[in-house]
Amino acid sequence: MKFRSALVVAAAVLSAAPAVFAQAAATAVAAAPSNLNAAAPDDLIRTVSNDVLNQIKADKAIQAGDVSKIAALVDQKIMPYVDFQRMTASAVGRNWRSATPVQQGKIQAEFKTLLVRTYAGALSQVRNHTIDVKRLRAAPTDTDVVVKSELKSGSQQPIALDYRLEKTAQGWRVYDMNVMGVWLIETYRADFGSVINAGGIDSLIAKLQERNAANAAKK
């Protein structure tokens, strides 16, 4: 499977994001601070992004790529504001409906592991990065919006980083992101689809497990 490296550094700021199982997602929603649940989508992105960046800069273990610390950061700071089930289902595409609940749970778990390990290297590169979230231009009645931002680091070219959010009963939740014109869901959907078409849902699970095992061995 091909995974575009252009997503890695910028995506590490917020959408390293993933849920493990439905129970973990429910726990994350319950843990989300009520003030952020009521926040406007651009304020949510700004607050969470800055919180994540500050924690990365202050934690040498995260900067060194400590996967357990990164996973904890994802679960504590990011997961409450991500609809990872929708993200995973969209990445799998139409084949998601034919997967059993057990298969869906395995895909989510392996997808999370893949993202966390992929972003572990990116997080070690965060030093003086800042996030510039653009003013949201949306109607008060909109329930699906795109928040635009830029990830900046000194004199380097800013990285365009946009988020798709949906308004839910719990507040605004991220379900996709765009790095320099590339949407995360579209990238993985192409990879996942080719694997599923060749060998079915179980083949995708096996491929994700294989990729994760290889990443763990490298570490």
N, C-alpha and C. Protein backbone atom coordinates (compact mmCIF):
# COMPACT_ATOMS: atom_id res chain seq x y z
N MET A 1 0.84 -1.19 0.00
CA MET A 1 0.00 0.00 0.00
C MET A 1 0.87 1.25 0.00
N LYS A 2 0.43 2.28 -0.69
CA LYS A 2 1.19 3.52 -0.75
C LYS A 2 0.59 4.52 0.23
N PHE A 3 1.43 5.17 1.02
CA PHE A 3 0.99 6.17 1.98
C PHE A 3 1.78 7.44 1.74
N ARG A 4 1.11 8.53 1.41
CA ARG A 4 1.79 9.75 1.00
C ARG A 4 2.48 10.43 2.17
N SER A 5 3.77 10.61 2.04
CA SER A 5 4.54 11.22 3.13
C SER A 5 4.19 12.68 3.32
N ALA A 6 3.58 13.31 2.35
CA ALA A 6 3.22 14.73 2.49
C ALA A 6 2.22 14.95 3.61
N LEU A 7 1.49 13.93 3.98
CA LEU A 7 0.51 14.07 5.05
C LEU A 7 1.14 14.07 6.43
N VAL A 8 2.34 13.54 6.55
CA VAL A 8 2.86 13.17 7.86
C VAL A 8 3.10 14.33 8.80
N VAL A 9 3.96 15.28 8.42
CA VAL A 9 4.35 16.32 9.38
C VAL A 9 3.16 17.16 9.80
N ALA A 10 2.38 17.64 8.84
CA ALA A 10 1.26 18.51 9.19
C ALA A 10 0.16 17.76 9.91
N ALA A 11 -0.12 16.55 9.48
CA ALA A 11 -1.19 15.79 10.11
C ALA A 11 -0.89 15.48 11.55
N ALA A 12 0.36 15.45 11.91
CA ALA A 12 0.73 15.14 13.29
C ALA A 12 0.17 16.14 14.28
N VAL A 13 -0.10 17.35 13.81
CA VAL A 13 -0.58 18.39 14.73
C VAL A 13 -1.95 18.04 15.29
N LEU A 14 -2.86 17.53 14.45
CA LEU A 14 -4.18 17.25 14.99
C LEU A 14 -4.68 15.88 14.60
N SER A 15 -4.58 15.52 13.35
CA SER A 15 -5.32 14.36 12.94
C SER A 15 -4.55 13.08 12.98
N ALA A 16 -3.62 12.98 13.81
CA ALA A 16 -2.99 11.70 14.05
C ALA A 16 -4.05 10.85 14.64
N ALA A 17 -5.04 11.26 14.68
CA ALA A 17 -6.24 11.00 15.30
C ALA A 17 -6.95 9.74 15.14
N PRO A 18 -7.24 9.04 15.99
CA PRO A 18 -7.99 7.86 15.76
C PRO A 18 -8.64 7.33 17.02
N ALA A 19 -9.67 6.56 16.80
CA ALA A 19 -10.36 5.90 17.89
C ALA A 19 -10.03 4.43 17.86
N VAL A 20 -10.09 3.79 18.99
CA VAL A 20 -9.77 2.38 19.01
C VAL A 20 -11.03 1.58 18.75
N PHE A 21 -11.97 1.60 19.67
CA PHE A 21 -13.22 0.88 19.51
C PHE A 21 -14.36 1.82 19.88
N ALA A 22 -15.59 1.38 19.71
CA ALA A 22 -16.73 2.24 20.02
C ALA A 22 -16.71 2.67 21.48
N GLN A 23 -16.31 1.77 22.37
CA GLN A 23 -16.27 2.11 23.79
C GLN A 23 -15.24 3.20 24.06
N ALA A 24 -14.08 3.11 23.42
CA ALA A 24 -13.06 4.13 23.60
C ALA A 24 -13.54 5.47 23.07
N ALA A 25 -14.25 5.44 21.95
CA ALA A 25 -14.76 6.68 21.38
C ALA A 25 -15.77 7.32 22.32
N ALA A 26 -16.63 6.50 22.92
CA ALA A 26 -17.62 7.04 23.85
C ALA A 26 -16.95 7.66 25.06
N THR A 27 -15.89 7.03 25.54
CA THR A 27 -15.14 7.57 26.67
C THR A 27 -14.52 8.90 26.31
N ALA A 28 -13.97 9.00 25.08
CA ALA A 28 -13.33 10.24 24.65
C ALA A 28 -14.34 11.36 24.57
N VAL A 29 -15.54 11.08 24.05
CA VAL A 29 -16.57 12.10 23.95
C VAL A 29 -16.95 12.58 25.34
N ALA A 30 -17.10 11.66 26.26
CA ALA A 30 -17.48 12.04 27.62
C ALA A 30 -16.41 12.88 28.29
N ALA A 31 -15.14 12.66 27.87
CA ALA A 31 -14.03 13.35 28.51
C ALA A 31 -13.78 14.74 27.93
N ALA A 32 -14.42 15.06 26.81
CA ALA A 32 -14.19 16.35 26.17
C ALA A 32 -14.69 17.49 27.04
N PRO A 33 -13.87 18.51 27.29
CA PRO A 33 -14.31 19.65 28.10
C PRO A 33 -15.52 20.31 27.48
N SER A 34 -16.52 20.64 28.30
CA SER A 34 -17.77 21.18 27.79
C SER A 34 -17.56 22.50 27.08
N ASN A 35 -16.57 23.30 27.52
CA ASN A 35 -16.36 24.59 26.86
C ASN A 35 -15.91 24.42 25.41
N LEU A 36 -15.13 23.37 25.13
CA LEU A 36 -14.72 23.13 23.76
C LEU A 36 -15.82 22.43 22.96
N ASN A 37 -16.64 21.66 23.62
CA ASN A 37 -17.78 21.07 22.92
C ASN A 37 -18.72 22.14 22.39
N ALA A 38 -18.75 23.28 23.06
CA ALA A 38 -19.62 24.38 22.64
C ALA A 38 -18.89 25.39 21.76
N ALA A 39 -17.61 25.16 21.50
CA ALA A 39 -16.80 26.13 20.75
C ALA A 39 -17.13 26.11 19.27
N ALA A 40 -16.91 27.24 18.62
CA ALA A 40 -17.03 27.31 17.17
C ALA A 40 -15.94 26.44 16.55
N PRO A 41 -16.16 25.94 15.33
CA PRO A 41 -15.19 25.00 14.74
C PRO A 41 -13.78 25.56 14.60
N ASP A 42 -13.63 26.84 14.22
CA ASP A 42 -12.29 27.40 14.09
C ASP A 42 -11.62 27.59 15.45
N ASP A 43 -12.41 27.96 16.46
CA ASP A 43 -11.87 28.08 17.82
C ASP A 43 -11.44 26.71 18.36
N LEU A 44 -12.20 25.67 18.03
CA LEU A 44 -11.86 24.32 18.45
C LEU A 44 -10.52 23.90 17.87
N ILE A 45 -10.35 24.07 16.56
CA ILE A 45 -9.11 23.70 15.89
C ILE A 45 -7.93 24.49 16.46
N ARG A 46 -8.13 25.77 16.67
CA ARG A 46 -7.06 26.62 17.20
C ARG A 46 -6.63 26.17 18.59
N THR A 47 -7.60 25.93 19.46
CA THR A 47 -7.30 25.55 20.85
C THR A 47 -6.62 24.19 20.93
N VAL A 48 -7.17 23.21 20.25
CA VAL A 48 -6.61 21.85 20.31
C VAL A 48 -5.22 21.82 19.66
N SER A 49 -5.06 22.48 18.52
CA SER A 49 -3.78 22.48 17.83
C SER A 49 -2.69 23.10 18.70
N ASN A 50 -2.98 24.24 19.30
CA ASN A 50 -1.99 24.89 20.16
C ASN A 50 -1.67 24.04 21.39
N ASP A 51 -2.70 23.39 21.93
CA ASP A 51 -2.49 22.53 23.10
C ASP A 51 -1.56 21.38 22.75
N VAL A 52 -1.80 20.76 21.59
CA VAL A 52 -0.97 19.64 21.15
C VAL A 52 0.46 20.10 20.88
N LEU A 53 0.62 21.21 20.17
CA LEU A 53 1.95 21.72 19.87
C LEU A 53 2.73 22.03 21.14
N ASN A 54 2.07 22.66 22.10
CA ASN A 54 2.75 23.01 23.36
C ASN A 54 3.20 21.76 24.11
N GLN A 55 2.36 20.72 24.09
CA GLN A 55 2.74 19.50 24.81
C GLN A 55 3.90 18.80 24.11
N ILE A 56 3.90 18.81 22.78
CA ILE A 56 5.00 18.19 22.05
C ILE A 56 6.31 18.90 22.38
N LYS A 57 6.28 20.23 22.36
CA LYS A 57 7.49 21.02 22.61
C LYS A 57 8.03 20.81 24.02
N ALA A 58 7.13 20.49 24.95
CA ALA A 58 7.54 20.34 26.35
C ALA A 58 7.92 18.92 26.73
N ASP A 59 7.70 17.96 25.83
CA ASP A 59 7.92 16.55 26.17
C ASP A 59 9.01 15.95 25.29
N LYS A 60 10.18 15.73 25.86
CA LYS A 60 11.30 15.18 25.11
C LYS A 60 11.04 13.76 24.61
N ALA A 61 10.25 13.00 25.38
CA ALA A 61 9.95 11.62 24.97
C ALA A 61 9.12 11.60 23.69
N ILE A 62 8.16 12.52 23.58
CA ILE A 62 7.35 12.61 22.36
C ILE A 62 8.23 13.03 21.19
N GLN A 63 9.11 14.00 21.42
CA GLN A 63 10.01 14.46 20.37
C GLN A 63 10.94 13.34 19.90
N ALA A 64 11.23 12.41 20.79
CA ALA A 64 12.09 11.29 20.45
C ALA A 64 11.33 10.15 19.77
N GLY A 65 10.00 10.29 19.65
CA GLY A 65 9.21 9.28 18.97
C GLY A 65 8.68 8.17 19.84
N ASP A 66 8.53 8.42 21.14
CA ASP A 66 8.00 7.42 22.07
C ASP A 66 6.54 7.13 21.72
N VAL A 67 6.30 5.96 21.16
CA VAL A 67 4.97 5.62 20.64
C VAL A 67 3.92 5.61 21.74
N SER A 68 4.27 5.10 22.94
CA SER A 68 3.29 5.04 24.02
C SER A 68 2.88 6.44 24.47
N LYS A 69 3.83 7.38 24.49
CA LYS A 69 3.52 8.76 24.87
C LYS A 69 2.68 9.43 23.79
N ILE A 70 3.00 9.13 22.53
CA ILE A 70 2.24 9.70 21.42
C ILE A 70 0.80 9.18 21.43
N ALA A 71 0.64 7.88 21.69
CA ALA A 71 -0.70 7.30 21.76
C ALA A 71 -1.50 7.95 22.88
N ALA A 72 -0.84 8.20 24.01
CA ALA A 72 -1.52 8.85 25.13
C ALA A 72 -1.93 10.28 24.76
N LEU A 73 -1.04 10.98 24.05
CA LEU A 73 -1.35 12.34 23.61
C LEU A 73 -2.56 12.34 22.68
N VAL A 74 -2.58 11.39 21.75
CA VAL A 74 -3.70 11.28 20.81
C VAL A 74 -5.01 11.04 21.56
N ASP A 75 -4.99 10.09 22.48
CA ASP A 75 -6.22 9.74 23.20
C ASP A 75 -6.71 10.87 24.10
N GLN A 76 -5.77 11.58 24.73
CA GLN A 76 -6.16 12.61 25.69
C GLN A 76 -6.51 13.95 25.05
N LYS A 77 -5.75 14.35 24.04
CA LYS A 77 -5.89 15.69 23.50
C LYS A 77 -6.65 15.78 22.18
N ILE A 78 -6.62 14.70 21.41
CA ILE A 78 -7.16 14.76 20.05
C ILE A 78 -8.46 13.98 19.88
N MET A 79 -8.47 12.74 20.39
CA MET A 79 -9.59 11.85 20.17
C MET A 79 -10.96 12.41 20.54
N PRO A 80 -11.08 13.18 21.62
CA PRO A 80 -12.41 13.69 21.96
C PRO A 80 -13.05 14.55 20.87
N TYR A 81 -12.25 15.01 19.91
CA TYR A 81 -12.77 15.94 18.91
C TYR A 81 -12.70 15.37 17.49
N VAL A 82 -12.55 14.06 17.38
CA VAL A 82 -12.47 13.39 16.09
C VAL A 82 -13.54 12.32 15.99
N ASP A 83 -14.26 12.31 14.88
CA ASP A 83 -15.20 11.23 14.61
C ASP A 83 -14.42 10.18 13.81
N PHE A 84 -13.68 9.35 14.55
CA PHE A 84 -12.79 8.41 13.87
C PHE A 84 -13.53 7.27 13.20
N GLN A 85 -14.69 6.92 13.73
CA GLN A 85 -15.47 5.87 13.07
C GLN A 85 -15.87 6.33 11.67
N ARG A 86 -16.32 7.60 11.56
CA ARG A 86 -16.69 8.12 10.25
C ARG A 86 -15.46 8.21 9.36
N MET A 87 -14.32 8.64 9.93
CA MET A 87 -13.09 8.75 9.16
C MET A 87 -12.67 7.40 8.60
N THR A 88 -12.71 6.37 9.44
CA THR A 88 -12.32 5.03 9.00
C THR A 88 -13.29 4.48 7.97
N ALA A 89 -14.59 4.65 8.24
CA ALA A 89 -15.61 4.16 7.31
C ALA A 89 -15.47 4.82 5.94
N SER A 90 -15.18 6.12 5.95
CA SER A 90 -15.02 6.85 4.68
C SER A 90 -13.77 6.39 3.95
N ALA A 91 -12.71 6.10 4.70
CA ALA A 91 -11.48 5.62 4.08
C ALA A 91 -11.67 4.25 3.44
N VAL A 92 -12.44 3.40 4.10
CA VAL A 92 -12.71 2.06 3.55
C VAL A 92 -13.68 2.15 2.38
N GLY A 93 -14.60 3.12 2.44
CA GLY A 93 -15.55 3.31 1.34
C GLY A 93 -16.74 2.38 1.41
N ARG A 94 -17.30 2.06 0.26
CA ARG A 94 -18.53 1.27 0.20
C ARG A 94 -18.37 -0.10 0.84
N ASN A 95 -17.15 -0.60 0.91
CA ASN A 95 -16.92 -1.93 1.49
C ASN A 95 -17.14 -1.95 3.00
N TRP A 96 -17.19 -0.77 3.63
CA TRP A 96 -17.38 -0.71 5.08
C TRP A 96 -18.70 -1.36 5.48
N ARG A 97 -19.74 -1.16 4.69
CA ARG A 97 -21.07 -1.69 5.03
C ARG A 97 -21.11 -3.21 4.99
N SER A 98 -20.23 -3.81 4.22
CA SER A 98 -20.22 -5.28 4.12
C SER A 98 -19.33 -5.91 5.18
N ALA A 99 -18.59 -5.10 5.92
CA ALA A 99 -17.74 -5.63 6.99
C ALA A 99 -18.57 -5.90 8.24
N THR A 100 -18.25 -6.96 8.97
CA THR A 100 -18.95 -7.26 10.21
C THR A 100 -18.49 -6.29 11.30
N PRO A 101 -19.26 -6.14 12.38
CA PRO A 101 -18.81 -5.28 13.49
C PRO A 101 -17.42 -5.65 14.01
N VAL A 102 -17.12 -6.94 14.04
CA VAL A 102 -15.81 -7.38 14.50
C VAL A 102 -14.72 -6.90 13.53
N GLN A 103 -14.98 -7.05 12.24
CA GLN A 103 -14.02 -6.61 11.24
C GLN A 103 -13.83 -5.08 11.30
N GLN A 104 -14.93 -4.37 11.48
CA GLN A 104 -14.86 -2.91 11.59
C GLN A 104 -14.01 -2.49 12.78
N GLY A 105 -14.19 -3.17 13.90
CA GLY A 105 -13.39 -2.87 15.09
C GLY A 105 -11.92 -3.12 14.86
N LYS A 106 -11.60 -4.22 14.16
CA LYS A 106 -10.19 -4.54 13.88
C LYS A 106 -9.58 -3.50 12.95
N ILE A 107 -10.34 -3.07 11.94
CA ILE A 107 -9.82 -2.07 11.01
C ILE A 107 -9.53 -0.77 11.75
N GLN A 108 -10.46 -0.34 12.60
CA GLN A 108 -10.25 0.89 13.36
C GLN A 108 -9.01 0.79 14.25
N ALA A 109 -8.86 -0.33 14.92
CA ALA A 109 -7.72 -0.51 15.83
C ALA A 109 -6.40 -0.49 15.06
N GLU A 110 -6.34 -1.20 13.94
CA GLU A 110 -5.11 -1.24 13.16
C GLU A 110 -4.83 0.09 12.48
N PHE A 111 -5.89 0.77 12.05
CA PHE A 111 -5.73 2.08 11.43
C PHE A 111 -5.16 3.08 12.43
N LYS A 112 -5.64 3.00 13.66
CA LYS A 112 -5.11 3.89 14.70
C LYS A 112 -3.63 3.62 14.91
N THR A 113 -3.27 2.36 15.04
CA THR A 113 -1.87 2.00 15.26
C THR A 113 -1.00 2.49 14.11
N LEU A 114 -1.50 2.33 12.88
CA LEU A 114 -0.76 2.79 11.70
C LEU A 114 -0.51 4.29 11.76
N LEU A 115 -1.55 5.06 12.06
CA LEU A 115 -1.42 6.50 12.09
C LEU A 115 -0.47 6.96 13.20
N VAL A 116 -0.63 6.38 14.38
CA VAL A 116 0.22 6.78 15.51
C VAL A 116 1.69 6.51 15.20
N ARG A 117 1.99 5.34 14.66
CA ARG A 117 3.38 5.01 14.35
C ARG A 117 3.90 5.83 13.18
N THR A 118 3.04 6.13 12.22
CA THR A 118 3.45 6.96 11.09
C THR A 118 3.80 8.35 11.56
N TYR A 119 2.98 8.91 12.48
CA TYR A 119 3.19 10.27 12.93
C TYR A 119 4.27 10.37 14.02
N ALA A 120 4.71 9.24 14.55
CA ALA A 120 5.74 9.28 15.59
C ALA A 120 6.99 9.98 15.08
N GLY A 121 7.38 9.66 13.86
CA GLY A 121 8.55 10.32 13.29
C GLY A 121 8.32 11.79 13.03
N ALA A 122 7.10 12.14 12.60
CA ALA A 122 6.79 13.53 12.33
C ALA A 122 6.82 14.38 13.59
N LEU A 123 6.33 13.83 14.67
CA LEU A 123 6.29 14.59 15.92
C LEU A 123 7.69 14.94 16.41
N SER A 124 8.67 14.10 16.10
CA SER A 124 10.03 14.39 16.53
C SER A 124 10.60 15.61 15.81
N GLN A 125 9.93 16.04 14.73
CA GLN A 125 10.40 17.20 13.98
C GLN A 125 9.79 18.51 14.45
N VAL A 126 8.81 18.45 15.34
CA VAL A 126 8.15 19.66 15.82
C VAL A 126 9.05 20.38 16.81
N ARG A 127 9.38 21.63 16.51
CA ARG A 127 10.19 22.44 17.41
C ARG A 127 9.57 23.82 17.61
N ASN A 128 9.72 24.66 16.59
CA ASN A 128 9.20 26.02 16.71
C ASN A 128 7.95 26.25 15.85
N HIS A 129 7.23 25.20 15.56
CA HIS A 129 6.04 25.31 14.72
C HIS A 129 4.92 26.07 15.42
N THR A 130 4.18 26.82 14.64
CA THR A 130 2.98 27.50 15.13
C THR A 130 1.84 27.23 14.16
N ILE A 131 0.62 27.40 14.63
CA ILE A 131 -0.55 27.17 13.79
C ILE A 131 -1.30 28.48 13.61
N ASP A 132 -1.62 28.81 12.38
CA ASP A 132 -2.39 30.01 12.06
C ASP A 132 -3.73 29.58 11.50
N VAL A 133 -4.77 29.63 12.33
CA VAL A 133 -6.10 29.22 11.92
C VAL A 133 -6.84 30.41 11.32
N LYS A 134 -7.32 30.26 10.11
CA LYS A 134 -7.98 31.34 9.41
C LYS A 134 -9.41 31.53 9.93
N ARG A 135 -9.91 32.76 9.78
CA ARG A 135 -11.27 33.06 10.21
C ARG A 135 -12.26 32.23 9.40
N LEU A 136 -13.17 31.60 10.08
CA LEU A 136 -14.16 30.74 9.41
C LEU A 136 -15.21 31.59 8.72
N ARG A 137 -15.48 31.26 7.48
CA ARG A 137 -16.54 31.93 6.73
C ARG A 137 -17.65 30.90 6.49
N ALA A 138 -18.62 30.90 7.37
CA ALA A 138 -19.72 29.94 7.28
C ALA A 138 -20.97 30.56 7.88
N ALA A 139 -22.12 30.06 7.45
CA ALA A 139 -23.40 30.54 7.98
C ALA A 139 -23.66 29.88 9.34
N PRO A 140 -24.38 30.56 10.22
CA PRO A 140 -24.70 29.99 11.54
C PRO A 140 -25.45 28.67 11.46
N THR A 141 -26.14 28.44 10.34
CA THR A 141 -26.93 27.21 10.19
C THR A 141 -26.14 26.06 9.58
N ASP A 142 -24.91 26.32 9.16
CA ASP A 142 -24.10 25.26 8.54
C ASP A 142 -23.78 24.17 9.55
N THR A 143 -23.84 22.93 9.10
CA THR A 143 -23.51 21.80 9.97
C THR A 143 -22.31 21.01 9.47
N ASP A 144 -21.74 21.43 8.34
CA ASP A 144 -20.56 20.79 7.78
C ASP A 144 -19.67 21.89 7.21
N VAL A 145 -18.48 22.06 7.76
CA VAL A 145 -17.63 23.19 7.37
C VAL A 145 -16.19 22.74 7.14
N VAL A 146 -15.43 23.62 6.51
CA VAL A 146 -13.99 23.43 6.33
C VAL A 146 -13.27 24.56 7.04
N VAL A 147 -12.39 24.22 7.97
CA VAL A 147 -11.57 25.20 8.67
C VAL A 147 -10.18 25.18 8.04
N LYS A 148 -9.73 26.34 7.57
CA LYS A 148 -8.44 26.45 6.91
C LYS A 148 -7.38 26.96 7.89
N SER A 149 -6.18 26.44 7.76
CA SER A 149 -5.09 26.89 8.62
C SER A 149 -3.76 26.69 7.90
N GLU A 150 -2.71 27.23 8.53
CA GLU A 150 -1.36 27.02 8.02
C GLU A 150 -0.45 26.64 9.18
N LEU A 151 0.40 25.66 8.94
CA LEU A 151 1.41 25.27 9.92
C LEU A 151 2.71 25.97 9.53
N LYS A 152 3.25 26.78 10.44
CA LYS A 152 4.40 27.62 10.12
C LYS A 152 5.60 27.24 10.98
N SER A 153 6.79 27.43 10.40
CA SER A 153 8.03 27.19 11.12
C SER A 153 9.12 28.10 10.57
N GLY A 154 9.36 29.22 11.24
CA GLY A 154 10.41 30.14 10.83
C GLY A 154 10.24 30.62 9.41
N SER A 155 11.32 30.53 8.64
CA SER A 155 11.30 31.01 7.25
C SER A 155 10.85 29.94 6.26
N GLN A 156 10.51 28.77 6.75
CA GLN A 156 10.06 27.70 5.86
C GLN A 156 8.71 28.03 5.26
N GLN A 157 8.44 27.45 4.11
CA GLN A 157 7.16 27.65 3.44
C GLN A 157 6.04 27.09 4.31
N PRO A 158 4.99 27.88 4.59
CA PRO A 158 3.88 27.37 5.41
C PRO A 158 3.22 26.16 4.75
N ILE A 159 2.72 25.25 5.57
CA ILE A 159 2.01 24.07 5.08
C ILE A 159 0.52 24.30 5.23
N ALA A 160 -0.20 24.30 4.11
CA ALA A 160 -1.65 24.46 4.16
C ALA A 160 -2.27 23.23 4.79
N LEU A 161 -3.12 23.46 5.78
CA LEU A 161 -3.69 22.36 6.55
C LEU A 161 -5.15 22.68 6.86
N ASP A 162 -6.06 21.97 6.21
CA ASP A 162 -7.49 22.24 6.36
C ASP A 162 -8.20 21.05 6.99
N TYR A 163 -9.30 21.34 7.68
CA TYR A 163 -10.05 20.30 8.38
C TYR A 163 -11.53 20.34 7.98
N ARG A 164 -12.10 19.18 7.79
CA ARG A 164 -13.55 19.07 7.60
C ARG A 164 -14.16 18.68 8.94
N LEU A 165 -15.17 19.42 9.35
CA LEU A 165 -15.84 19.14 10.61
C LEU A 165 -17.34 19.05 10.40
N GLU A 166 -17.96 18.22 11.21
CA GLU A 166 -19.42 18.07 11.21
C GLU A 166 -19.95 18.43 12.59
N LYS A 167 -21.07 19.12 12.62
CA LYS A 167 -21.69 19.47 13.89
C LYS A 167 -22.51 18.29 14.38
N THR A 168 -22.19 17.81 15.58
CA THR A 168 -22.89 16.67 16.17
C THR A 168 -23.60 17.12 17.45
N ALA A 169 -24.28 16.21 18.07
CA ALA A 169 -24.96 16.53 19.33
C ALA A 169 -23.96 16.88 20.42
N GLN A 170 -22.73 16.39 20.30
CA GLN A 170 -21.70 16.65 21.31
C GLN A 170 -20.87 17.91 20.99
N GLY A 171 -20.99 18.42 19.77
CA GLY A 171 -20.19 19.57 19.35
C GLY A 171 -19.55 19.27 18.00
N TRP A 172 -18.67 20.14 17.55
CA TRP A 172 -18.01 19.95 16.25
C TRP A 172 -16.96 18.86 16.35
N ARG A 173 -16.93 18.00 15.30
CA ARG A 173 -15.98 16.89 15.28
C ARG A 173 -15.28 16.82 13.91
N VAL A 174 -13.97 16.60 13.92
CA VAL A 174 -13.18 16.46 12.70
C VAL A 174 -13.40 15.08 12.10
N TYR A 175 -13.58 15.02 10.77
CA TYR A 175 -13.68 13.71 10.14
C TYR A 175 -12.80 13.57 8.90
N ASP A 176 -12.10 14.64 8.53
CA ASP A 176 -11.15 14.53 7.41
C ASP A 176 -10.22 15.75 7.47
N MET A 177 -9.08 15.65 6.81
CA MET A 177 -8.15 16.77 6.76
C MET A 177 -7.43 16.80 5.43
N ASN A 178 -6.96 17.99 5.08
CA ASN A 178 -6.30 18.20 3.80
C ASN A 178 -4.93 18.82 4.05
N VAL A 179 -3.89 18.20 3.51
CA VAL A 179 -2.54 18.73 3.62
C VAL A 179 -2.03 19.05 2.22
N MET A 180 -1.81 20.34 1.96
CA MET A 180 -1.29 20.77 0.66
C MET A 180 -2.09 20.20 -0.51
N GLY A 181 -3.42 20.23 -0.38
CA GLY A 181 -4.29 19.81 -1.48
C GLY A 181 -4.63 18.33 -1.50
N VAL A 182 -4.17 17.58 -0.52
CA VAL A 182 -4.42 16.13 -0.49
C VAL A 182 -5.31 15.80 0.72
N TRP A 183 -6.50 15.27 0.46
CA TRP A 183 -7.39 14.87 1.55
C TRP A 183 -7.01 13.49 2.06
N LEU A 184 -6.91 13.35 3.38
CA LEU A 184 -6.46 12.09 3.99
C LEU A 184 -7.35 10.92 3.59
N ILE A 185 -8.67 11.11 3.67
CA ILE A 185 -9.59 10.01 3.37
C ILE A 185 -9.40 9.51 1.94
N GLU A 186 -9.28 10.44 0.99
CA GLU A 186 -9.11 10.03 -0.40
C GLU A 186 -7.83 9.23 -0.59
N THR A 187 -6.77 9.63 0.10
CA THR A 187 -5.50 8.93 -0.01
C THR A 187 -5.61 7.49 0.45
N TYR A 188 -6.19 7.29 1.63
CA TYR A 188 -6.30 5.94 2.16
C TYR A 188 -7.37 5.12 1.43
N ARG A 189 -8.43 5.79 0.94
CA ARG A 189 -9.49 5.04 0.26
C ARG A 189 -8.94 4.32 -0.97
N ALA A 190 -8.07 4.98 -1.71
CA ALA A 190 -7.49 4.35 -2.89
C ALA A 190 -6.65 3.14 -2.50
N ASP A 191 -5.85 3.29 -1.45
CA ASP A 191 -5.01 2.18 -1.00
C ASP A 191 -5.84 1.03 -0.45
N PHE A 192 -6.79 1.36 0.42
CA PHE A 192 -7.64 0.34 1.03
C PHE A 192 -8.48 -0.37 -0.03
N GLY A 193 -9.03 0.41 -0.98
CA GLY A 193 -9.89 -0.18 -1.99
C GLY A 193 -9.18 -1.21 -2.84
N SER A 194 -7.94 -0.92 -3.22
CA SER A 194 -7.20 -1.87 -4.07
C SER A 194 -6.93 -3.18 -3.33
N VAL A 195 -6.66 -3.07 -2.02
CA VAL A 195 -6.41 -4.28 -1.22
C VAL A 195 -7.70 -5.09 -1.06
N ILE A 196 -8.80 -4.41 -0.75
CA ILE A 196 -10.08 -5.10 -0.56
C ILE A 196 -10.54 -5.75 -1.86
N ASN A 197 -10.40 -5.05 -2.98
CA ASN A 197 -10.81 -5.61 -4.27
C ASN A 197 -10.03 -6.88 -4.60
N ALA A 198 -8.79 -6.95 -4.15
CA ALA A 198 -7.95 -8.11 -4.46
C ALA A 198 -8.20 -9.28 -3.51
N GLY A 199 -8.54 -8.96 -2.23
CA GLY A 199 -8.64 -10.06 -1.27
C GLY A 199 -9.71 -9.96 -0.21
N GLY A 200 -10.53 -8.91 -0.25
CA GLY A 200 -11.61 -8.78 0.72
C GLY A 200 -11.19 -8.02 1.98
N ILE A 201 -12.15 -7.87 2.88
CA ILE A 201 -11.95 -7.12 4.12
C ILE A 201 -10.84 -7.73 4.97
N ASP A 202 -10.83 -9.05 5.08
CA ASP A 202 -9.80 -9.70 5.91
C ASP A 202 -8.41 -9.45 5.36
N SER A 203 -8.31 -9.29 4.04
CA SER A 203 -7.02 -8.99 3.43
C SER A 203 -6.54 -7.60 3.86
N LEU A 204 -7.47 -6.64 3.95
CA LEU A 204 -7.10 -5.30 4.42
C LEU A 204 -6.61 -5.35 5.86
N ILE A 205 -7.33 -6.09 6.69
CA ILE A 205 -6.91 -6.22 8.09
C ILE A 205 -5.52 -6.83 8.18
N ALA A 206 -5.28 -7.87 7.39
CA ALA A 206 -3.98 -8.53 7.39
C ALA A 206 -2.88 -7.59 6.92
N LYS A 207 -3.17 -6.78 5.89
CA LYS A 207 -2.18 -5.84 5.37
C LYS A 207 -1.84 -4.78 6.41
N LEU A 208 -2.87 -4.28 7.11
CA LEU A 208 -2.63 -3.28 8.15
C LEU A 208 -1.81 -3.88 9.29
N GLN A 209 -2.14 -5.11 9.67
CA GLN A 209 -1.39 -5.78 10.73
C GLN A 209 0.06 -5.99 10.30
N GLU A 210 0.26 -6.36 9.06
CA GLU A 210 1.61 -6.58 8.53
C GLU A 210 2.40 -5.27 8.54
N ARG A 211 1.76 -4.20 8.10
CA ARG A 211 2.42 -2.89 8.08
C ARG A 211 2.79 -2.45 9.50
N ASN A 212 1.87 -2.64 10.43
CA ASN A 212 2.12 -2.25 11.82
C ASN A 212 3.23 -3.07 12.46
N ALA A 213 3.25 -4.37 12.13
CA ALA A 213 4.31 -5.22 12.67
C ALA A 213 5.67 -4.79 12.14
N ALA A 214 5.72 -4.41 10.85
CA ALA A 214 6.97 -3.96 10.26
C ALA A 214 7.44 -2.65 10.89
N ASN A 215 6.48 -1.75 11.15
CA ASN A 215 6.83 -0.48 11.79
C ASN A 215 7.33 -0.70 13.20
N ALA A 216 6.69 -1.64 13.91
CA ALA A 216 7.11 -1.94 15.30
C ALA A 216 8.51 -2.54 15.31
N ALA A 217 8.82 -3.37 14.32
CA ALA A 217 10.13 -4.00 14.25
C ALA A 217 11.22 -2.97 13.99
N LYS A 218 10.90 -1.96 13.17
CA LYS A 218 11.86 -0.88 12.88
C LYS A 218 12.17 -0.12 14.15
N LYS A 219 11.12 0.14 14.97
CA LYS A 219 11.30 0.87 16.22
C LYS A 219 12.21 0.10 17.15
